[in-house]
PDB file of N, CA and C in Angstrom:
ATOM      1  N   MET A   1       3.069 -67.042 -68.631  1.00  0.00           N
ATOM      2  CA  MET A   1       2.262 -66.899 -67.444  1.00  0.00           C
ATOM      3  C   MET A   1       1.486 -65.570 -67.477  1.00  0.00           C
ATOM      4  N   ILE A   2       2.151 -64.508 -67.864  1.00  0.00           N
ATOM      5  CA  ILE A   2       1.488 -63.202 -67.936  1.00  0.00           C
ATOM      6  C   ILE A   2       0.410 -63.215 -69.015  1.00  0.00           C
ATOM      7  N   ASP A   3       0.722 -63.810 -70.175  1.00  0.00           N
ATOM      8  CA  ASP A   3      -0.267 -63.885 -71.254  1.00  0.00           C
ATOM      9  C   ASP A   3      -1.549 -64.561 -70.792  1.00  0.00           C
ATOM     10  N   SER A   4      -1.429 -65.711 -70.135  1.00  0.00           N
ATOM     11  CA  SER A   4      -2.629 -66.449 -69.716  1.00  0.00           C
ATOM     12  C   SER A   4      -3.391 -65.716 -68.614  1.00  0.00           C
ATOM     13  N   ALA A   5      -2.681 -65.059 -67.719  1.00  0.00           N
ATOM     14  CA  ALA A   5      -3.356 -64.328 -66.639  1.00  0.00           C
ATOM     15  C   ALA A   5      -4.133 -63.135 -67.201  1.00  0.00           C
ATOM     16  N   LEU A   6      -3.522 -62.393 -68.101  1.00  0.00           N
ATOM     17  CA  LEU A   6      -4.199 -61.217 -68.663  1.00  0.00           C
ATOM     18  C   LEU A   6      -5.329 -61.609 -69.605  1.00  0.00           C
ATOM     19  N   ALA A   7      -5.240 -62.776 -70.221  1.00  0.00           N
ATOM     20  CA  ALA A   7      -6.299 -63.240 -71.121  1.00  0.00           C
ATOM     21  C   ALA A   7      -7.597 -63.522 -70.365  1.00  0.00           C
ATOM     22  N   GLN A   8      -7.505 -63.761 -69.070  1.00  0.00           N
ATOM     23  CA  GLN A   8      -8.676 -64.081 -68.253  1.00  0.00           C
ATOM     24  C   GLN A   8      -9.449 -62.841 -67.810  1.00  0.00           C
ATOM     25  N   VAL A   9      -8.885 -61.662 -68.034  1.00  0.00           N
ATOM     26  CA  VAL A   9      -9.480 -60.422 -67.527  1.00  0.00           C
ATOM     27  C   VAL A   9      -9.903 -59.536 -68.694  1.00  0.00           C
ATOM     28  N   LYS A  10     -11.127 -59.038 -68.623  1.00  0.00           N
ATOM     29  CA  LYS A  10     -11.609 -58.113 -69.650  1.00  0.00           C
ATOM     30  C   LYS A  10     -11.045 -56.723 -69.341  1.00  0.00           C
ATOM     31  N   ASP A  11     -10.413 -56.110 -70.311  1.00  0.00           N
ATOM     32  CA  ASP A  11      -9.811 -54.773 -70.180  1.00  0.00           C
ATOM     33  C   ASP A  11      -8.915 -54.651 -68.946  1.00  0.00           C
ATOM     34  N   PRO A  12      -7.865 -55.453 -68.850  1.00  0.00           N
ATOM     35  CA  PRO A  12      -7.008 -55.406 -67.660  1.00  0.00           C
ATOM     36  C   PRO A  12      -6.199 -54.113 -67.573  1.00  0.00           C
ATOM     37  N   LYS A  13      -6.026 -53.648 -66.369  1.00  0.00           N
ATOM     38  CA  LYS A  13      -5.129 -52.541 -66.023  1.00  0.00           C
ATOM     39  C   LYS A  13      -4.432 -52.990 -64.748  1.00  0.00           C
ATOM     40  N   VAL A  14      -3.189 -53.403 -64.877  1.00  0.00           N
ATOM     41  CA  VAL A  14      -2.504 -54.027 -63.749  1.00  0.00           C
ATOM     42  C   VAL A  14      -1.307 -53.216 -63.301  1.00  0.00           C
ATOM     43  N   ASN A  15      -0.980 -53.380 -62.031  1.00  0.00           N
ATOM     44  CA  ASN A  15       0.247 -52.868 -61.444  1.00  0.00           C
ATOM     45  C   ASN A  15       1.190 -54.049 -61.285  1.00  0.00           C
ATOM     46  N   VAL A  16       2.461 -53.836 -61.573  1.00  0.00           N
ATOM     47  CA  VAL A  16       3.435 -54.918 -61.563  1.00  0.00           C
ATOM     48  C   VAL A  16       4.616 -54.531 -60.683  1.00  0.00           C
ATOM     49  N   LEU A  17       5.061 -55.481 -59.865  1.00  0.00           N
ATOM     50  CA  LEU A  17       6.286 -55.324 -59.085  1.00  0.00           C
ATOM     51  C   LEU A  17       7.301 -56.319 -59.623  1.00  0.00           C
ATOM     52  N   ILE A  18       8.433 -55.816 -60.075  1.00  0.00           N
ATOM     53  CA  ILE A  18       9.530 -56.666 -60.532  1.00  0.00           C
ATOM     54  C   ILE A  18      10.618 -56.602 -59.473  1.00  0.00           C
ATOM     55  N   ASP A  19      10.931 -57.747 -58.875  1.00  0.00           N
ATOM     56  CA  ASP A  19      11.996 -57.829 -57.878  1.00  0.00           C
ATOM     57  C   ASP A  19      13.264 -58.282 -58.594  1.00  0.00           C
ATOM     58  N   GLY A  20      14.158 -57.351 -58.810  1.00  0.00           N
ATOM     59  CA  GLY A  20      15.396 -57.653 -59.516  1.00  0.00           C
ATOM     60  C   GLY A  20      16.598 -57.744 -58.601  1.00  0.00           C
ATOM     61  N   THR A  21      16.371 -57.883 -57.299  1.00  0.00           N
ATOM     62  CA  THR A  21      17.478 -57.854 -56.349  1.00  0.00           C
ATOM     63  C   THR A  21      18.407 -59.058 -56.473  1.00  0.00           C
ATOM     64  N   GLU A  22      17.925 -60.164 -56.991  1.00  0.00           N
ATOM     65  CA  GLU A  22      18.788 -61.333 -57.148  1.00  0.00           C
ATOM     66  C   GLU A  22      19.190 -61.561 -58.597  1.00  0.00           C
ATOM     67  N   LEU A  23      18.795 -60.659 -59.468  1.00  0.00           N
ATOM     68  CA  LEU A  23      19.117 -60.757 -60.881  1.00  0.00           C
ATOM     69  C   LEU A  23      20.581 -60.368 -61.085  1.00  0.00           C
ATOM     70  N   GLN A  24      21.339 -61.258 -61.698  1.00  0.00           N
ATOM     71  CA  GLN A  24      22.765 -61.017 -61.905  1.00  0.00           C
ATOM     72  C   GLN A  24      23.068 -60.341 -63.238  1.00  0.00           C
ATOM     73  N   GLY A  25      22.229 -60.544 -64.211  1.00  0.00           N
ATOM     74  CA  GLY A  25      22.447 -59.972 -65.535  1.00  0.00           C
ATOM     75  C   GLY A  25      21.225 -60.194 -66.389  1.00  0.00           C
ATOM     76  N   TRP A  26      21.366 -59.839 -67.646  1.00  0.00           N
ATOM     77  CA  TRP A  26      20.232 -59.919 -68.548  1.00  0.00           C
ATOM     78  C   TRP A  26      20.767 -60.295 -69.912  1.00  0.00           C
ATOM     79  N   GLU A  27      20.442 -61.481 -70.362  1.00  0.00           N
ATOM     80  CA  GLU A  27      20.902 -61.928 -71.671  1.00  0.00           C
ATOM     81  C   GLU A  27      20.113 -61.222 -72.763  1.00  0.00           C
ATOM     82  N   LEU A  28      20.732 -61.066 -73.902  1.00  0.00           N
ATOM     83  CA  LEU A  28      20.090 -60.366 -75.010  1.00  0.00           C
ATOM     84  C   LEU A  28      18.768 -61.016 -75.397  1.00  0.00           C
ATOM     85  N   ARG A  29      18.719 -62.337 -75.428  1.00  0.00           N
ATOM     86  CA  ARG A  29      17.487 -63.055 -75.785  1.00  0.00           C
ATOM     87  C   ARG A  29      16.371 -62.747 -74.773  1.00  0.00           C
ATOM     88  N   ALA A  30      16.697 -62.747 -73.496  1.00  0.00           N
ATOM     89  CA  ALA A  30      15.708 -62.447 -72.455  1.00  0.00           C
ATOM     90  C   ALA A  30      15.235 -60.995 -72.565  1.00  0.00           C
ATOM     91  N   ALA A  31      16.147 -60.088 -72.855  1.00  0.00           N
ATOM     92  CA  ALA A  31      15.775 -58.680 -73.027  1.00  0.00           C
ATOM     93  C   ALA A  31      14.809 -58.520 -74.199  1.00  0.00           C
ATOM     94  N   TRP A  32      15.083 -59.229 -75.294  1.00  0.00           N
ATOM     95  CA  TRP A  32      14.216 -59.166 -76.465  1.00  0.00           C
ATOM     96  C   TRP A  32      12.829 -59.720 -76.144  1.00  0.00           C
ATOM     97  N   ASP A  33      12.764 -60.845 -75.438  1.00  0.00           N
ATOM     98  CA  ASP A  33      11.480 -61.439 -75.050  1.00  0.00           C
ATOM     99  C   ASP A  33      10.692 -60.496 -74.153  1.00  0.00           C
ATOM    100  N   ASP A  34      11.368 -59.857 -73.207  1.00  0.00           N
ATOM    101  CA  ASP A  34      10.700 -58.905 -72.319  1.00  0.00           C
ATOM    102  C   ASP A  34      10.195 -57.691 -73.091  1.00  0.00           C
ATOM    103  N   PHE A  35      10.977 -57.240 -74.057  1.00  0.00           N
ATOM    104  CA  PHE A  35      10.571 -56.106 -74.892  1.00  0.00           C
ATOM    105  C   PHE A  35       9.305 -56.448 -75.685  1.00  0.00           C
ATOM    106  N   LYS A  36       9.276 -57.626 -76.278  1.00  0.00           N
ATOM    107  CA  LYS A  36       8.089 -58.054 -77.046  1.00  0.00           C
ATOM    108  C   LYS A  36       6.871 -58.186 -76.136  1.00  0.00           C
ATOM    109  N   LEU A  37       7.056 -58.716 -74.941  1.00  0.00           N
ATOM    110  CA  LEU A  37       5.949 -58.837 -73.992  1.00  0.00           C
ATOM    111  C   LEU A  37       5.401 -57.459 -73.627  1.00  0.00           C
ATOM    112  N   GLY A  38       6.300 -56.517 -73.394  1.00  0.00           N
ATOM    113  CA  GLY A  38       5.884 -55.160 -73.073  1.00  0.00           C
ATOM    114  C   GLY A  38       5.102 -54.508 -74.189  1.00  0.00           C
ATOM    115  N   LEU A  39       5.529 -54.714 -75.424  1.00  0.00           N
ATOM    116  CA  LEU A  39       4.795 -54.153 -76.564  1.00  0.00           C
ATOM    117  C   LEU A  39       3.423 -54.801 -76.717  1.00  0.00           C
ATOM    118  N   LYS A  40       3.361 -56.099 -76.523  1.00  0.00           N
ATOM    119  CA  LYS A  40       2.093 -56.830 -76.678  1.00  0.00           C
ATOM    120  C   LYS A  40       1.056 -56.375 -75.660  1.00  0.00           C
ATOM    121  N   HIS A  41       1.489 -56.132 -74.435  1.00  0.00           N
ATOM    122  CA  HIS A  41       0.568 -55.781 -73.348  1.00  0.00           C
ATOM    123  C   HIS A  41       0.699 -54.315 -72.941  1.00  0.00           C
ATOM    124  N   ASN A  42       1.230 -53.507 -73.804  1.00  0.00           N
ATOM    125  CA  ASN A  42       1.538 -52.110 -73.530  1.00  0.00           C
ATOM    126  C   ASN A  42       0.437 -51.370 -72.780  1.00  0.00           C
ATOM    127  N   ASN A  43      -0.782 -51.440 -73.263  1.00  0.00           N
ATOM    128  CA  ASN A  43      -1.880 -50.664 -72.670  1.00  0.00           C
ATOM    129  C   ASN A  43      -2.493 -51.316 -71.439  1.00  0.00           C
ATOM    130  N   GLU A  44      -2.023 -52.475 -71.059  1.00  0.00           N
ATOM    131  CA  GLU A  44      -2.608 -53.184 -69.923  1.00  0.00           C
ATOM    132  C   GLU A  44      -1.854 -52.932 -68.616  1.00  0.00           C
ATOM    133  N   PHE A  45      -0.675 -52.325 -68.706  1.00  0.00           N
ATOM    134  CA  PHE A  45       0.102 -52.025 -67.506  1.00  0.00           C
ATOM    135  C   PHE A  45      -0.181 -50.593 -67.070  1.00  0.00           C
ATOM    136  N   ARG A  46      -0.656 -50.453 -65.846  1.00  0.00           N
ATOM    137  CA  ARG A  46      -0.898 -49.119 -65.290  1.00  0.00           C
ATOM    138  C   ARG A  46       0.383 -48.576 -64.663  1.00  0.00           C
ATOM    139  N   LYS A  47       1.006 -49.396 -63.793  1.00  0.00           N
ATOM    140  CA  LYS A  47       2.262 -49.030 -63.140  1.00  0.00           C
ATOM    141  C   LYS A  47       3.170 -50.247 -63.076  1.00  0.00           C
ATOM    142  N   ILE A  48       4.456 -50.017 -63.289  1.00  0.00           N
ATOM    143  CA  ILE A  48       5.462 -51.061 -63.134  1.00  0.00           C
ATOM    144  C   ILE A  48       6.544 -50.515 -62.219  1.00  0.00           C
ATOM    145  N   ALA A  49       6.717 -51.159 -61.072  1.00  0.00           N
ATOM    146  CA  ALA A  49       7.764 -50.784 -60.122  1.00  0.00           C
ATOM    147  C   ALA A  49       8.886 -51.806 -60.246  1.00  0.00           C
ATOM    148  N   ILE A  50      10.089 -51.317 -60.505  1.00  0.00           N
ATOM    149  CA  ILE A  50      11.256 -52.188 -60.558  1.00  0.00           C
ATOM    150  C   ILE A  50      12.043 -51.968 -59.279  1.00  0.00           C
ATOM    151  N   TYR A  51      12.054 -52.996 -58.443  1.00  0.00           N
ATOM    152  CA  TYR A  51      12.792 -52.962 -57.178  1.00  0.00           C
ATOM    153  C   TYR A  51      14.120 -53.665 -57.426  1.00  0.00           C
ATOM    154  N   GLY A  52      15.209 -52.938 -57.259  1.00  0.00           N
ATOM    155  CA  GLY A  52      16.498 -53.529 -57.565  1.00  0.00           C
ATOM    156  C   GLY A  52      17.629 -52.930 -56.755  1.00  0.00           C
ATOM    157  N   ASN A  53      18.824 -53.342 -57.145  1.00  0.00           N
ATOM    158  CA  ASN A  53      20.014 -52.893 -56.429  1.00  0.00           C
ATOM    159  C   ASN A  53      21.204 -52.700 -57.372  1.00  0.00           C
ATOM    160  N   LYS A  54      20.905 -52.465 -58.641  1.00  0.00           N
ATOM    161  CA  LYS A  54      21.971 -52.279 -59.619  1.00  0.00           C
ATOM    162  C   LYS A  54      21.647 -51.074 -60.502  1.00  0.00           C
ATOM    163  N   ASN A  55      22.672 -50.310 -60.866  1.00  0.00           N
ATOM    164  CA  ASN A  55      22.498 -49.110 -61.672  1.00  0.00           C
ATOM    165  C   ASN A  55      21.837 -49.413 -63.009  1.00  0.00           C
ATOM    166  N   TRP A  56      22.197 -50.533 -63.640  1.00  0.00           N
ATOM    167  CA  TRP A  56      21.631 -50.847 -64.953  1.00  0.00           C
ATOM    168  C   TRP A  56      20.127 -51.106 -64.874  1.00  0.00           C
ATOM    169  N   GLN A  57      19.628 -51.521 -63.699  1.00  0.00           N
ATOM    170  CA  GLN A  57      18.187 -51.727 -63.545  1.00  0.00           C
ATOM    171  C   GLN A  57      17.451 -50.389 -63.571  1.00  0.00           C
ATOM    172  N   GLU A  58      18.055 -49.377 -62.996  1.00  0.00           N
ATOM    173  CA  GLU A  58      17.454 -48.041 -63.027  1.00  0.00           C
ATOM    174  C   GLU A  58      17.433 -47.510 -64.468  1.00  0.00           C
ATOM    175  N   ILE A  59      18.497 -47.750 -65.200  1.00  0.00           N
ATOM    176  CA  ILE A  59      18.556 -47.333 -66.603  1.00  0.00           C
ATOM    177  C   ILE A  59      17.505 -48.079 -67.423  1.00  0.00           C
ATOM    178  N   THR A  60      17.348 -49.379 -67.143  1.00  0.00           N
ATOM    179  CA  THR A  60      16.337 -50.187 -67.830  1.00  0.00           C
ATOM    180  C   THR A  60      14.939 -49.626 -67.603  1.00  0.00           C
ATOM    181  N   ALA A  61      14.658 -49.180 -66.393  1.00  0.00           N
ATOM    182  CA  ALA A  61      13.345 -48.595 -66.092  1.00  0.00           C
ATOM    183  C   ALA A  61      13.110 -47.345 -66.928  1.00  0.00           C
ATOM    184  N   LYS A  62      14.127 -46.516 -67.068  1.00  0.00           N
ATOM    185  CA  LYS A  62      13.983 -45.290 -67.862  1.00  0.00           C
ATOM    186  C   LYS A  62      13.749 -45.611 -69.336  1.00  0.00           C
ATOM    187  N   ILE A  63      14.511 -46.558 -69.858  1.00  0.00           N
ATOM    188  CA  ILE A  63      14.339 -46.943 -71.260  1.00  0.00           C
ATOM    189  C   ILE A  63      12.978 -47.603 -71.482  1.00  0.00           C
ATOM    190  N   GLY A  64      12.574 -48.465 -70.558  1.00  0.00           N
ATOM    191  CA  GLY A  64      11.284 -49.143 -70.668  1.00  0.00           C
ATOM    192  C   GLY A  64      10.116 -48.185 -70.712  1.00  0.00           C
ATOM    193  N   SER A  65      10.252 -47.043 -70.051  1.00  0.00           N
ATOM    194  CA  SER A  65       9.146 -46.072 -70.026  1.00  0.00           C
ATOM    195  C   SER A  65       8.889 -45.471 -71.404  1.00  0.00           C
ATOM    196  N   TRP A  66       9.856 -45.568 -72.306  1.00  0.00           N
ATOM    197  CA  TRP A  66       9.648 -45.063 -73.670  1.00  0.00           C
ATOM    198  C   TRP A  66       8.699 -45.961 -74.452  1.00  0.00           C
ATOM    199  N   PHE A  67       8.575 -47.217 -74.047  1.00  0.00           N
ATOM    200  CA  PHE A  67       7.849 -48.204 -74.840  1.00  0.00           C
ATOM    201  C   PHE A  67       6.551 -48.684 -74.202  1.00  0.00           C
ATOM    202  N   THR A  68       6.195 -48.118 -73.081  1.00  0.00           N
ATOM    203  CA  THR A  68       4.989 -48.582 -72.394  1.00  0.00           C
ATOM    204  C   THR A  68       4.126 -47.386 -72.040  1.00  0.00           C
ATOM    205  N   SER A  69       2.823 -47.568 -72.101  1.00  0.00           N
ATOM    206  CA  SER A  69       1.925 -46.453 -71.814  1.00  0.00           C
ATOM    207  C   SER A  69       1.779 -46.214 -70.310  1.00  0.00           C
ATOM    208  N   GLY A  70       2.052 -47.227 -69.503  1.00  0.00           N
ATOM    209  CA  GLY A  70       1.982 -47.072 -68.058  1.00  0.00           C
ATOM    210  C   GLY A  70       3.241 -46.416 -67.510  1.00  0.00           C
ATOM    211  N   GLU A  71       3.192 -46.088 -66.228  1.00  0.00           N
ATOM    212  CA  GLU A  71       4.348 -45.493 -65.571  1.00  0.00           C
ATOM    213  C   GLU A  71       5.314 -46.586 -65.137  1.00  0.00           C
ATOM    214  N   ILE A  72       6.597 -46.334 -65.288  1.00  0.00           N
ATOM    215  CA  ILE A  72       7.631 -47.244 -64.800  1.00  0.00           C
ATOM    216  C   ILE A  72       8.574 -46.445 -63.916  1.00  0.00           C
ATOM    217  N   LYS A  73       8.840 -46.970 -62.717  1.00  0.00           N
ATOM    218  CA  LYS A  73       9.771 -46.315 -61.803  1.00  0.00           C
ATOM    219  C   LYS A  73      10.676 -47.360 -61.166  1.00  0.00           C
ATOM    220  N   TYR A  74      11.898 -46.944 -60.889  1.00  0.00           N
ATOM    221  CA  TYR A  74      12.882 -47.785 -60.219  1.00  0.00           C
ATOM    222  C   TYR A  74      12.925 -47.414 -58.739  1.00  0.00           C
ATOM    223  N   PHE A  75      13.064 -48.425 -57.888  1.00  0.00           N
ATOM    224  CA  PHE A  75      13.156 -48.222 -56.443  1.00  0.00           C
ATOM    225  C   PHE A  75      14.261 -49.104 -55.874  1.00  0.00           C
ATOM    226  N   ASP A  76      14.988 -48.574 -54.903  1.00  0.00           N
ATOM    227  CA  ASP A  76      15.963 -49.412 -54.206  1.00  0.00           C
ATOM    228  C   ASP A  76      15.461 -49.802 -52.817  1.00  0.00           C
ATOM    229  N   GLN A  77      14.227 -49.423 -52.516  1.00  0.00           N
ATOM    230  CA  GLN A  77      13.571 -49.799 -51.262  1.00  0.00           C
ATOM    231  C   GLN A  77      12.220 -50.445 -51.590  1.00  0.00           C
ATOM    232  N   LEU A  78      12.002 -51.665 -51.112  1.00  0.00           N
ATOM    233  CA  LEU A  78      10.775 -52.398 -51.420  1.00  0.00           C
ATOM    234  C   LEU A  78       9.541 -51.681 -50.907  1.00  0.00           C
ATOM    235  N   ASP A  79       9.593 -51.148 -49.687  1.00  0.00           N
ATOM    236  CA  ASP A  79       8.410 -50.483 -49.130  1.00  0.00           C
ATOM    237  C   ASP A  79       8.007 -49.258 -49.951  1.00  0.00           C
ATOM    238  N   GLU A  80       8.980 -48.541 -50.515  1.00  0.00           N
ATOM    239  CA  GLU A  80       8.660 -47.397 -51.360  1.00  0.00           C
ATOM    240  C   GLU A  80       7.989 -47.846 -52.670  1.00  0.00           C
ATOM    241  N   ALA A  81       8.480 -48.945 -53.225  1.00  0.00           N
ATOM    242  CA  ALA A  81       7.890 -49.478 -54.461  1.00  0.00           C
ATOM    243  C   ALA A  81       6.442 -49.892 -54.224  1.00  0.00           C
ATOM    244  N   LEU A  82       6.201 -50.613 -53.134  1.00  0.00           N
ATOM    245  CA  LEU A  82       4.845 -51.062 -52.826  1.00  0.00           C
ATOM    246  C   LEU A  82       3.913 -49.878 -52.541  1.00  0.00           C
ATOM    247  N   HIS A  83       4.412 -48.883 -51.834  1.00  0.00           N
ATOM    248  CA  HIS A  83       3.598 -47.705 -51.538  1.00  0.00           C
ATOM    249  C   HIS A  83       3.202 -46.990 -52.839  1.00  0.00           C
ATOM    250  N   TRP A  84       4.144 -46.828 -53.749  1.00  0.00           N
ATOM    251  CA  TRP A  84       3.865 -46.173 -55.029  1.00  0.00           C
ATOM    252  C   TRP A  84       2.836 -46.965 -55.847  1.00  0.00           C
ATOM    253  N   LEU A  85       2.972 -48.280 -55.864  1.00  0.00           N
ATOM    254  CA  LEU A  85       2.033 -49.107 -56.613  1.00  0.00           C
ATOM    255  C   LEU A  85       0.608 -49.005 -56.067  1.00  0.00           C
ATOM    256  N   ASN A  86       0.484 -48.831 -54.774  1.00  0.00           N
ATOM    257  CA  ASN A  86      -0.841 -48.824 -54.134  1.00  0.00           C
ATOM    258  C   ASN A  86      -1.473 -47.447 -54.045  1.00  0.00           C
ATOM    259  N   LYS A  87      -0.809 -46.406 -54.565  1.00  0.00           N
ATOM    260  CA  LYS A  87      -1.396 -45.053 -54.556  1.00  0.00           C
ATOM    261  C   LYS A  87      -2.446 -44.947 -55.624  1.00  0.00           C
TER     262      LYS A  87
END
């Protein structure tokens, strides 16, 4: 879905909100797929806000920032995540 959406835009620079509040875990295969997606679209993400409620999600945001040119931040409050994305 992300591939087709970004393919429609010339020189995309997008902000992304990931809602991980109902995410129970992360399988290795899914983590690998997400990592490859991030590398493929690395320069197209301006900001990525991860809204969650688990410590490992905050750690994931920190690790993800090593592999993406955009900013990645973790939030435990949705309104703070949205405010940051819209600045």
